[in-house]
Amino acid sequence: MRLSSRLKTIYDMVPKSTRLADIGTDHAYLPAALVKGGKAEAVIATDLRAAPLKGAERYLRSHGLLERIELRQGDGLTVLSPGEVEGMIMSGLGGGTLVKMLEAAPHVLASLRYVLLAPQNDAYLLRAFFLRTAFALVDERLIQEEGRFYPILCFAPGDALQPYRLNNYSFYEALYVGPFLLSRGGLLMKRYLENELAQTVRIREQIEKRSTYEHRERRLLTFTRQEKLLRRRILALEENARSSRTDKRR
């Protein structure tokens, strides 16, 4: 099975491991690739639902991988014990949902050597969550797949504040957009920020129209601040692109 762009990027970011967990594995394509590619000696592949695991079992059996990939049904990290795996992968869910899953199993999280996360949205919630842990953000990459953008974040034990000590960006900018993504820039990054801006404007306008919206003023302030930040970063990327074109003509 050929991996999608998102799964291939996650695959590339996984450190070589003896044993890792893929939470929300679906059909177990990623665990199969990790074992066959020598990235992992063994994988615990989990899913909340029975149907995907049945499909995963058929797929793994046909490739002779059931001895090295263990399938478990359950919710999030609750199917793991502390020290059972070196690292963990979670993707396909929103940032807020992933935070709740991490909060539900602090002892499992504390025992890990790395955590790879590919949220569908609200990646900044994960960055904020890990500031309260002994994990630091060590890498970020950005993928566009089937019209959706996926920031992929890797955390490992370390100084949680270190990635945000950048001279060119405020702490809030680095937290919201991502310090490594900001430093790389590029056209894909600009498209991602434009997409985030469109969503932010839409939500802000919805809040403005609803006078009875719970915590209206606070939420309105938050989204207005995010909108200004995104417009500022998009403008900076456009200016950098113009400067680069000018330099090439010289």
Protein backbone atom coordinates (compact mmCIF):
# COMPACT_ATOMS: atom_id res chain seq x y z
CA MET A 1 0.00 0.00 0.00
CA ARG A 2 1.40 3.35 -1.04
CA LEU A 3 1.24 5.90 1.77
CA SER A 4 -0.53 9.22 1.33
CA SER A 5 1.55 12.41 1.48
CA ARG A 6 0.50 12.94 5.09
CA LEU A 7 1.36 9.41 6.22
CA LYS A 8 4.62 9.46 4.25
CA THR A 9 5.66 12.65 6.04
CA ILE A 10 4.81 11.11 9.41
CA TYR A 11 6.80 8.02 8.39
CA ASP A 12 9.82 10.18 7.56
CA MET A 13 9.61 11.96 10.92
CA VAL A 14 9.45 8.81 13.06
CA PRO A 15 12.75 8.11 14.87
CA LYS A 16 13.96 4.53 14.65
CA SER A 17 12.23 2.68 17.49
CA THR A 18 12.02 -0.74 19.07
CA ARG A 19 8.30 -0.41 19.78
CA LEU A 20 5.81 2.38 19.13
CA ALA A 21 2.05 2.96 19.15
CA ASP A 22 -0.16 4.25 16.35
CA ILE A 23 -3.34 5.59 17.96
CA GLY A 24 -6.31 5.66 15.58
CA THR A 25 -4.57 3.40 13.11
CA ASP A 26 -7.56 2.85 10.80
CA HIS A 27 -6.32 0.19 8.33
CA ALA A 28 -2.78 0.00 9.81
CA TYR A 29 -1.07 1.12 6.62
CA LEU A 30 1.40 3.29 8.53
CA PRO A 31 2.41 0.61 11.09
CA ALA A 32 2.92 -1.85 8.23
CA ALA A 33 5.19 0.61 6.42
CA LEU A 34 7.14 1.38 9.60
CA VAL A 35 7.83 -2.30 10.30
CA LYS A 36 8.62 -3.20 6.68
CA GLY A 37 10.85 -0.13 6.33
CA GLY A 38 12.88 -0.93 9.45
CA LYS A 39 11.67 2.13 11.34
CA ALA A 40 10.12 0.02 14.09
CA GLU A 41 10.67 -3.49 15.35
CA ALA A 42 7.09 -3.74 16.59
CA VAL A 43 3.96 -1.57 16.70
CA ILE A 44 0.82 -1.46 18.82
CA ALA A 45 -1.93 -0.26 16.45
CA THR A 46 -5.16 0.89 18.10
CA ASP A 47 -8.56 2.14 17.05
CA LEU A 48 -11.76 3.01 18.86
CA ARG A 49 -13.93 1.07 16.41
CA ALA A 50 -13.96 -2.64 15.64
CA ALA A 51 -14.61 -2.32 11.88
CA PRO A 52 -11.29 -0.64 10.97
CA LEU A 53 -9.40 -3.15 13.10
CA LYS A 54 -11.00 -6.04 11.23
CA GLY A 55 -9.84 -4.50 7.97
CA ALA A 56 -6.41 -3.91 9.48
CA GLU A 57 -6.21 -7.54 10.59
CA ARG A 58 -6.94 -8.76 7.06
CA TYR A 59 -4.37 -6.39 5.60
CA LEU A 60 -1.65 -7.32 8.08
CA ARG A 61 -2.33 -11.04 7.73
CA SER A 62 -2.01 -10.81 3.95
CA HIS A 63 1.42 -9.19 4.43
CA GLY A 64 2.59 -11.54 7.17
CA LEU A 65 2.86 -8.75 9.77
CA LEU A 66 0.50 -9.84 12.55
CA GLU A 67 3.37 -11.15 14.66
CA ARG A 68 4.99 -7.71 14.77
CA ILE A 69 1.91 -5.47 14.82
CA GLU A 70 -0.50 -5.94 17.70
CA LEU A 71 -4.05 -4.67 17.24
CA ARG A 72 -5.96 -3.23 20.20
CA GLN A 73 -9.42 -1.69 20.43
CA GLY A 74 -9.89 1.20 22.83
CA ASP A 75 -10.02 4.93 23.41
CA GLY A 76 -6.80 6.88 22.96
CA LEU A 77 -3.88 6.19 25.25
CA THR A 78 -6.01 4.21 27.71
CA VAL A 79 -5.05 0.97 25.92
CA LEU A 80 -1.36 1.53 26.74
CA SER A 81 0.67 1.07 29.91
CA PRO A 82 3.56 3.37 30.92
CA GLY A 83 6.84 2.19 29.42
CA GLU A 84 5.16 -0.15 26.94
CA VAL A 85 6.26 1.85 23.89
CA GLU A 86 9.02 4.35 23.08
CA GLY A 87 6.95 6.66 20.95
CA MET A 88 3.43 7.40 19.82
CA ILE A 89 1.67 8.66 16.70
CA MET A 90 -1.79 10.24 16.64
CA SER A 91 -3.44 11.77 13.59
CA GLY A 92 -6.80 12.41 12.00
CA LEU A 93 -8.39 14.28 14.93
CA GLY A 94 -8.70 17.92 15.97
CA GLY A 95 -6.14 19.54 18.24
CA GLY A 96 -8.61 19.90 21.11
CA THR A 97 -9.52 16.21 20.99
CA LEU A 98 -5.87 15.18 20.94
CA VAL A 99 -5.17 17.35 23.99
CA LYS A 100 -7.97 15.62 25.92
CA MET A 101 -6.56 12.22 25.00
CA LEU A 102 -3.09 13.23 26.18
CA GLU A 103 -4.47 14.70 29.41
CA ALA A 104 -6.28 11.43 30.13
CA ALA A 105 -3.05 9.41 30.32
CA PRO A 106 -0.27 11.54 31.89
CA HIS A 107 1.77 8.55 33.07
CA VAL A 108 1.85 7.02 29.59
CA LEU A 109 2.84 10.37 28.09
CA ALA A 110 5.64 10.89 30.62
CA SER A 111 7.19 7.53 29.68
CA LEU A 112 7.54 8.33 25.96
CA ARG A 113 10.67 9.29 24.04
CA TYR A 114 8.72 11.15 21.34
CA VAL A 115 5.17 12.05 20.31
CA LEU A 116 4.16 12.68 16.68
CA LEU A 117 0.86 14.48 16.11
CA ALA A 118 -0.96 15.42 12.90
CA PRO A 119 -4.07 17.39 13.96
CA GLN A 120 -6.81 18.27 11.51
CA ASN A 121 -7.11 21.71 13.11
CA ASP A 122 -6.12 23.83 16.11
CA ALA A 123 -2.48 22.72 16.23
CA TYR A 124 -1.77 25.66 18.54
CA LEU A 125 -3.73 23.90 21.30
CA LEU A 126 -1.17 21.09 21.21
CA ARG A 127 1.75 23.52 21.34
CA ALA A 128 0.13 25.22 24.32
CA PHE A 129 -0.53 21.90 26.05
CA PHE A 130 3.07 20.73 25.76
CA LEU A 131 4.30 23.96 27.35
CA ARG A 132 2.91 22.50 30.58
CA THR A 133 4.92 19.29 30.20
CA ALA A 134 8.56 18.24 30.11
CA PHE A 135 8.36 17.90 26.31
CA ALA A 136 9.70 20.35 23.73
CA LEU A 137 8.61 20.87 20.14
CA VAL A 138 11.53 19.56 18.06
CA ASP A 139 10.16 19.58 14.51
CA GLU A 140 7.18 20.71 12.45
CA ARG A 141 6.24 20.09 8.85
CA LEU A 142 3.31 21.18 6.74
CA ILE A 143 1.40 19.04 4.25
CA GLN A 144 -1.49 19.80 1.92
CA GLU A 145 -3.55 16.76 1.01
CA GLU A 146 -6.90 16.67 -0.79
CA GLY A 147 -7.44 20.36 -0.15
CA ARG A 148 -6.69 20.20 3.59
CA PHE A 149 -3.63 21.41 5.46
CA TYR A 150 -1.95 19.26 8.09
CA PRO A 151 0.75 20.61 10.39
CA ILE A 152 2.70 17.61 11.71
CA LEU A 153 4.35 18.18 15.07
CA CYS A 154 7.02 16.17 16.85
CA PHE A 155 7.65 16.55 20.59
CA ALA A 156 10.43 15.02 22.69
CA PRO A 157 11.64 15.48 26.28
CA GLY A 158 13.39 18.83 26.65
CA ASP A 159 13.04 22.54 27.38
CA ALA A 160 9.46 23.33 26.35
CA LEU A 161 10.17 27.06 25.90
CA GLN A 162 13.29 26.74 23.75
CA PRO A 163 11.58 26.66 20.31
CA TYR A 164 9.73 29.89 21.10
CA ARG A 165 12.86 31.90 21.86
CA LEU A 166 13.09 33.33 18.35
CA ASN A 167 14.15 36.90 17.63
CA ASN A 168 11.94 37.48 14.60
CA TYR A 169 8.59 36.43 16.04
CA SER A 170 6.57 37.11 19.13
CA PHE A 171 5.81 34.26 21.51
CA TYR A 172 2.14 34.39 20.50
CA GLU A 173 2.99 34.20 16.78
CA ALA A 174 5.27 31.21 17.32
CA LEU A 175 2.71 29.47 19.51
CA TYR A 176 -0.21 30.04 17.16
CA VAL A 177 1.45 29.43 13.79
CA GLY A 178 4.41 27.25 14.80
CA PRO A 179 8.05 28.32 15.30
CA PHE A 180 9.54 25.88 12.78
CA LEU A 181 6.84 26.58 10.20
CA LEU A 182 7.40 30.32 10.57
CA SER A 183 11.13 29.95 10.04
CA ARG A 184 10.67 27.91 6.85
CA GLY A 185 8.07 30.14 5.20
CA GLY A 186 7.42 29.41 1.52
CA LEU A 187 4.40 29.31 -0.79
CA LEU A 188 2.74 26.37 0.98
CA MET A 189 2.99 28.24 4.26
CA LYS A 190 1.34 31.29 2.67
CA ARG A 191 -1.54 29.15 1.39
CA TYR A 192 -1.93 27.60 4.82
CA LEU A 193 -2.08 31.00 6.52
CA GLU A 194 -4.58 32.27 3.94
CA ASN A 195 -6.77 29.25 4.64
CA GLU A 196 -6.49 29.83 8.39
CA LEU A 197 -7.34 33.51 7.86
CA ALA A 198 -10.48 32.68 5.87
CA GLN A 199 -11.70 30.36 8.63
CA THR A 200 -10.85 32.87 11.35
CA VAL A 201 -12.72 35.69 9.58
CA ARG A 202 -15.75 33.43 9.08
CA ILE A 203 -15.88 32.51 12.79
CA ARG A 204 -15.32 36.12 13.89
CA GLU A 205 -18.20 37.30 11.68
CA GLN A 206 -20.48 34.60 13.10
CA ILE A 207 -19.67 35.73 16.64
CA GLU A 208 -20.35 39.38 15.73
CA LYS A 209 -23.82 38.48 14.41
CA ARG A 210 -24.83 36.59 17.55
CA SER A 211 -25.28 39.00 20.44
CA THR A 212 -26.13 36.15 22.85
CA TYR A 213 -23.04 34.09 22.03
CA GLU A 214 -21.51 32.64 25.22
CA HIS A 215 -18.36 34.56 26.22
CA ARG A 216 -18.94 36.70 23.12
CA GLU A 217 -16.57 39.56 23.90
CA ARG A 218 -13.69 37.32 24.94
CA ARG A 219 -14.05 35.07 21.89
CA LEU A 220 -14.39 38.09 19.62
CA LEU A 221 -11.16 39.53 21.01
CA THR A 222 -9.36 36.20 20.52
CA PHE A 223 -10.39 35.78 16.89
CA THR A 224 -9.72 39.43 16.08
CA ARG A 225 -6.22 39.04 17.48
CA GLN A 226 -5.67 35.87 15.45
CA GLU A 227 -6.92 37.61 12.32
CA LYS A 228 -4.43 40.47 12.74
CA LEU A 229 -1.60 38.02 13.36
CA LEU A 230 -2.39 36.00 10.23
CA ARG A 231 -2.67 39.11 8.05
CA ARG A 232 0.70 40.30 9.37
CA ARG A 233 2.44 36.99 8.63
CA ILE A 234 0.91 36.74 5.15
CA LEU A 235 2.10 40.26 4.37
CA ALA A 236 5.59 39.38 5.61
CA LEU A 237 5.71 36.31 3.34
CA GLU A 238 4.59 38.41 0.36
CA GLU A 239 7.29 40.99 1.08
CA ASN A 240 9.93 38.25 1.38
CA ALA A 241 8.82 36.78 -1.95
CA ARG A 242 9.06 40.19 -3.66
CA SER A 243 12.52 40.77 -2.20
CA SER A 244 13.65 37.35 -3.40
CA ARG A 245 12.43 38.03 -6.95
CA THR A 246 14.18 41.41 -6.95
CA ASP A 247 17.46 39.84 -5.79
CA LYS A 248 17.31 37.23 -8.57
CA ARG A 249 16.94 39.92 -11.24
CA ARG A 250 20.13 41.67 -10.12
